[in-house]
C-alpha atoms as a PDB file:
ATOM      1  CA  UNK A   1     -17.749 -18.271 -82.578  1.00  0.00           C
ATOM      2  CA  UNK A   2     -16.627 -18.545 -78.981  1.00  0.00           C
ATOM      3  CA  UNK A   3     -18.635 -18.017 -75.753  1.00  0.00           C
ATOM      4  CA  UNK A   4     -17.462 -17.477 -72.269  1.00  0.00           C
ATOM      5  CA  UNK A   5     -19.050 -16.705 -68.914  1.00  0.00           C
ATOM      6  CA  UNK A   6     -17.356 -14.295 -66.465  1.00  0.00           C
ATOM      7  CA  UNK A   7     -18.539 -14.192 -62.918  1.00  0.00           C
ATOM      8  CA  UNK A   8     -17.448 -10.675 -61.966  1.00  0.00           C
ATOM      9  CA  UNK A   9     -15.670  -7.598 -63.441  1.00  0.00           C
ATOM     10  CA  UNK A  10     -12.238  -8.905 -62.487  1.00  0.00           C
ATOM     11  CA  UNK A  11     -12.745 -11.996 -64.773  1.00  0.00           C
ATOM     12  CA  UNK A  12     -14.107  -9.836 -67.491  1.00  0.00           C
ATOM     13  CA  UNK A  13     -11.132  -7.572 -67.240  1.00  0.00           C
ATOM     14  CA  UNK A  14      -8.689 -10.551 -67.321  1.00  0.00           C
ATOM     15  CA  UNK A  15     -10.306 -11.808 -70.404  1.00  0.00           C
ATOM     16  CA  UNK A  16     -10.179  -8.438 -72.082  1.00  0.00           C
ATOM     17  CA  UNK A  17      -6.514  -8.060 -71.244  1.00  0.00           C
ATOM     18  CA  UNK A  18      -5.689 -11.447 -72.801  1.00  0.00           C
ATOM     19  CA  UNK A  19      -7.804 -10.573 -75.888  1.00  0.00           C
ATOM     20  CA  UNK A  20      -5.982  -7.288 -76.208  1.00  0.00           C
ATOM     21  CA  UNK A  21      -2.639  -9.072 -76.589  1.00  0.00           C
ATOM     22  CA  UNK A  22      -4.097 -10.656 -79.875  1.00  0.00           C
ATOM     23  CA  UNK A  23      -4.990  -7.513 -81.644  1.00  0.00           C
ATOM     24  CA  UNK A  24      -2.820  -6.344 -84.464  1.00  0.00           C
ATOM     25  CA  UNK A  25      -3.801  -3.061 -86.466  1.00  0.00           C
ATOM     26  CA  UNK A  26      -5.725  -2.622 -88.409  1.00  0.00           C
ATOM     27  CA  UNK A  27      -8.490  -4.470 -86.693  1.00  0.00           C
ATOM     28  CA  UNK A  28     -12.095  -3.470 -85.827  1.00  0.00           C
ATOM     29  CA  UNK A  29     -13.852  -4.634 -82.670  1.00  0.00           C
ATOM     30  CA  UNK A  30     -17.582  -4.055 -82.340  1.00  0.00           C
ATOM     31  CA  UNK A  31     -18.918  -4.139 -78.925  1.00  0.00           C
ATOM     32  CA  UNK A  32     -22.605  -4.943 -78.613  1.00  0.00           C
ATOM     33  CA  UNK A  33     -24.768  -5.076 -75.557  1.00  0.00           C
ATOM     34  CA  UNK A  34     -27.303  -3.148 -73.532  1.00  0.00           C
ATOM     35  CA  UNK A  35     -26.409  -0.063 -71.407  1.00  0.00           C
ATOM     36  CA  UNK A  36     -24.140  -1.008 -68.456  1.00  0.00           C
ATOM     37  CA  UNK A  37     -23.128  -4.581 -69.399  1.00  0.00           C
ATOM     38  CA  UNK A  38     -19.422  -3.750 -69.668  1.00  0.00           C
ATOM     39  CA  UNK A  39     -18.640  -2.408 -73.360  1.00  0.00           C
ATOM     40  CA  UNK A  40     -16.766   0.520 -71.956  1.00  0.00           C
ATOM     41  CA  UNK A  41     -14.937  -1.670 -69.337  1.00  0.00           C
ATOM     42  CA  UNK A  42     -13.809  -4.064 -72.084  1.00  0.00           C
ATOM     43  CA  UNK A  43     -12.711  -1.213 -74.157  1.00  0.00           C
ATOM     44  CA  UNK A  44     -10.811   0.490 -71.285  1.00  0.00           C
ATOM     45  CA  UNK A  45      -8.996  -2.756 -70.418  1.00  0.00           C
ATOM     46  CA  UNK A  46      -7.939  -3.225 -73.985  1.00  0.00           C
ATOM     47  CA  UNK A  47      -6.637   0.227 -74.143  1.00  0.00           C
ATOM     48  CA  UNK A  48      -4.778  -0.008 -70.824  1.00  0.00           C
ATOM     49  CA  UNK A  49      -3.303  -3.317 -71.770  1.00  0.00           C
ATOM     50  CA  UNK A  50      -1.798  -1.919 -74.793  1.00  0.00           C
ATOM     51  CA  UNK A  51      -0.919   1.698 -73.665  1.00  0.00           C
ATOM     52  CA  UNK A  52      -0.293   1.072 -69.977  1.00  0.00           C
ATOM     53  CA  UNK A  53      -2.365   0.526 -66.910  1.00  0.00           C
ATOM     54  CA  UNK A  54      -2.181   4.097 -65.849  1.00  0.00           C
ATOM     55  CA  UNK A  55      -3.656   5.428 -69.155  1.00  0.00           C
ATOM     56  CA  UNK A  56      -6.658   7.427 -68.469  1.00  0.00           C
ATOM     57  CA  UNK A  57      -9.675   6.249 -70.599  1.00  0.00           C
ATOM     58  CA  UNK A  58     -12.748   8.394 -70.437  1.00  0.00           C
ATOM     59  CA  UNK A  59     -15.948   7.154 -72.143  1.00  0.00           C
ATOM     60  CA  UNK A  60     -16.218   8.703 -75.513  1.00  0.00           C
ATOM     61  CA  UNK A  61     -19.948   9.144 -75.066  1.00  0.00           C
ATOM     62  CA  UNK A  62     -19.829  12.890 -75.525  1.00  0.00           C
ATOM     63  CA  UNK A  63     -16.612  13.305 -77.541  1.00  0.00           C
ATOM     64  CA  UNK A  64     -17.595  10.423 -79.836  1.00  0.00           C
ATOM     65  CA  UNK A  65     -13.956   9.137 -80.198  1.00  0.00           C
ATOM     66  CA  UNK A  66     -10.914   9.067 -78.139  1.00  0.00           C
ATOM     67  CA  UNK A  67      -7.468   8.321 -79.741  1.00  0.00           C
ATOM     68  CA  UNK A  68      -4.512   6.608 -77.959  1.00  0.00           C
ATOM     69  CA  UNK A  69      -1.054   6.171 -79.303  1.00  0.00           C
ATOM     70  CA  UNK A  70       1.638   3.947 -77.659  1.00  0.00           C
ATOM     71  CA  UNK A  71       4.821   2.513 -79.245  1.00  0.00           C
ATOM     72  CA  UNK A  72       3.585   3.279 -82.742  1.00  0.00           C
ATOM     73  CA  UNK A  73       0.131   1.531 -82.053  1.00  0.00           C
ATOM     74  CA  UNK A  74      -2.901   3.693 -82.500  1.00  0.00           C
ATOM     75  CA  UNK A  75      -6.161   2.853 -80.877  1.00  0.00           C
ATOM     76  CA  UNK A  76      -9.413   4.665 -81.864  1.00  0.00           C
ATOM     77  CA  UNK A  77     -12.284   4.313 -79.382  1.00  0.00           C
ATOM     78  CA  UNK A  78     -15.670   5.213 -80.690  1.00  0.00           C
ATOM     79  CA  UNK A  79     -19.112   5.464 -78.908  1.00  0.00           C
ATOM     80  CA  UNK A  80     -21.658   5.777 -81.626  1.00  0.00           C
ATOM     81  CA  UNK A  81     -24.598   5.925 -79.321  1.00  0.00           C
ATOM     82  CA  UNK A  82     -25.561   9.530 -80.152  1.00  0.00           C
ATOM     83  CA  UNK A  83     -24.879   9.311 -83.916  1.00  0.00           C
ATOM     84  CA  UNK A  84     -28.099   9.822 -85.803  1.00  0.00           C
ATOM     85  CA  UNK A  85     -26.951   9.783 -89.385  1.00  0.00           C
ATOM     86  CA  UNK A  86     -24.449   7.579 -91.269  1.00  0.00           C
ATOM     87  CA  UNK A  87     -22.879  10.588 -92.904  1.00  0.00           C
ATOM     88  CA  UNK A  88     -21.463  11.622 -89.381  1.00  0.00           C
ATOM     89  CA  UNK A  89     -19.383   8.702 -89.336  1.00  0.00           C
ATOM     90  CA  UNK A  90     -17.072   9.938 -92.047  1.00  0.00           C
ATOM     91  CA  UNK A  91     -16.742  13.369 -90.132  1.00  0.00           C
ATOM     92  CA  UNK A  92     -15.577  11.618 -86.985  1.00  0.00           C
ATOM     93  CA  UNK A  93     -12.949   9.575 -88.898  1.00  0.00           C
ATOM     94  CA  UNK A  94     -14.344   6.097 -88.539  1.00  0.00           C
ATOM     95  CA  UNK A  95     -13.424   4.937 -92.113  1.00  0.00           C
ATOM     96  CA  UNK A  96      -9.958   6.151 -91.630  1.00  0.00           C
ATOM     97  CA  UNK A  97      -9.658   4.500 -88.277  1.00  0.00           C
ATOM     98  CA  UNK A  98     -10.969   1.149 -89.564  1.00  0.00           C
ATOM     99  CA  UNK A  99      -8.356   1.195 -92.321  1.00  0.00           C
ATOM    100  CA  UNK A 100      -5.398   2.002 -90.134  1.00  0.00           C
ATOM    101  CA  UNK A 101      -5.894   1.525 -86.335  1.00  0.00           C
ATOM    102  CA  UNK A 102      -7.046  -0.932 -83.678  1.00  0.00           C
ATOM    103  CA  UNK A 103     -10.626   0.426 -83.679  1.00  0.00           C
ATOM    104  CA  UNK A 104     -12.944  -0.295 -80.738  1.00  0.00           C
ATOM    105  CA  UNK A 105     -16.550   0.674 -81.520  1.00  0.00           C
ATOM    106  CA  UNK A 106     -19.407   0.913 -78.882  1.00  0.00           C
ATOM    107  CA  UNK A 107     -22.963   0.819 -80.126  1.00  0.00           C
ATOM    108  CA  UNK A 108     -21.861  -0.173 -83.690  1.00  0.00           C
ATOM    109  CA  UNK A 109     -25.179  -0.851 -85.169  1.00  0.00           C
ATOM    110  CA  UNK A 110     -25.443   2.476 -87.247  1.00  0.00           C
ATOM    111  CA  UNK A 111     -21.980   1.568 -88.798  1.00  0.00           C
ATOM    112  CA  UNK A 112     -22.888  -1.910 -89.779  1.00  0.00           C
ATOM    113  CA  UNK A 113     -22.579  -1.274 -93.563  1.00  0.00           C
ATOM    114  CA  UNK A 114     -19.156   0.306 -93.098  1.00  0.00           C
ATOM    115  CA  UNK A 115     -17.689  -2.546 -90.963  1.00  0.00           C
ATOM    116  CA  UNK A 116     -15.108  -4.711 -92.738  1.00  0.00           C
ATOM    117  CA  UNK A 117     -16.017  -8.480 -93.089  1.00  0.00           C
ATOM    118  CA  UNK A 118     -13.332  -9.463 -90.540  1.00  0.00           C
ATOM    119  CA  UNK A 119     -14.704  -7.238 -87.854  1.00  0.00           C
ATOM    120  CA  UNK A 120     -14.625  -8.996 -84.435  1.00  0.00           C
ATOM    121  CA  UNK A 121     -18.071  -8.832 -82.890  1.00  0.00           C
ATOM    122  CA  UNK A 122     -18.316  -9.107 -79.192  1.00  0.00           C
ATOM    123  CA  UNK A 123     -21.803  -9.455 -77.861  1.00  0.00           C
ATOM    124  CA  UNK A 124     -22.196  -8.955 -74.000  1.00  0.00           C
ATOM    125  CA  UNK A 125     -25.202  -9.917 -72.025  1.00  0.00           C
ATOM    126  CA  UNK A 126     -25.557  -9.637 -68.365  1.00  0.00           C
ATOM    127  CA  UNK A 127     -27.335 -12.110 -66.085  1.00  0.00           C
ATOM    128  CA  UNK A 128     -27.744 -12.636 -62.375  1.00  0.00           C
ATOM    129  CA  UNK A 129     -24.376 -14.566 -61.857  1.00  0.00           C
ATOM    130  CA  UNK A 130     -22.123 -12.586 -64.325  1.00  0.00           C
ATOM    131  CA  UNK A 131     -21.684 -11.962 -67.862  1.00  0.00           C
ATOM    132  CA  UNK A 132     -21.935 -13.956 -71.207  1.00  0.00           C
ATOM    133  CA  UNK A 133     -19.491 -12.849 -73.741  1.00  0.00           C
ATOM    134  CA  UNK A 134     -19.827 -14.060 -77.339  1.00  0.00           C
ATOM    135  CA  UNK A 135     -17.057 -13.497 -79.842  1.00  0.00           C
ATOM    136  CA  UNK A 136     -17.783 -13.774 -83.522  1.00  0.00           C
END
């Protein structure tokens, strides 16, 4: 387990960009934290680091999943906030992505029984002077 403190969004993005460089598929990254703590910003930075800084990365809140491919690397970015039943996870391709892609999952709790043992869990909490990021 590793914990770090970032004092602003630029530091959070810098950390996420460095973290992105360590990811080799297949790998699953579960992003935990309250609304507005930076889960989407971390996912966006990871995607833009791998796919290019000009890559448009909308939140998958309503589409549930966004997919990106760059130089043979496939990234699947899931937002499971609106998922109500575990059976929906298969319909949106979570199981396939976990086995093949760099898979980023926001609001992963509903999928906890499907996540591989080697899932990287990132817990983000916000406080007055920044963010605490814990990597497990």
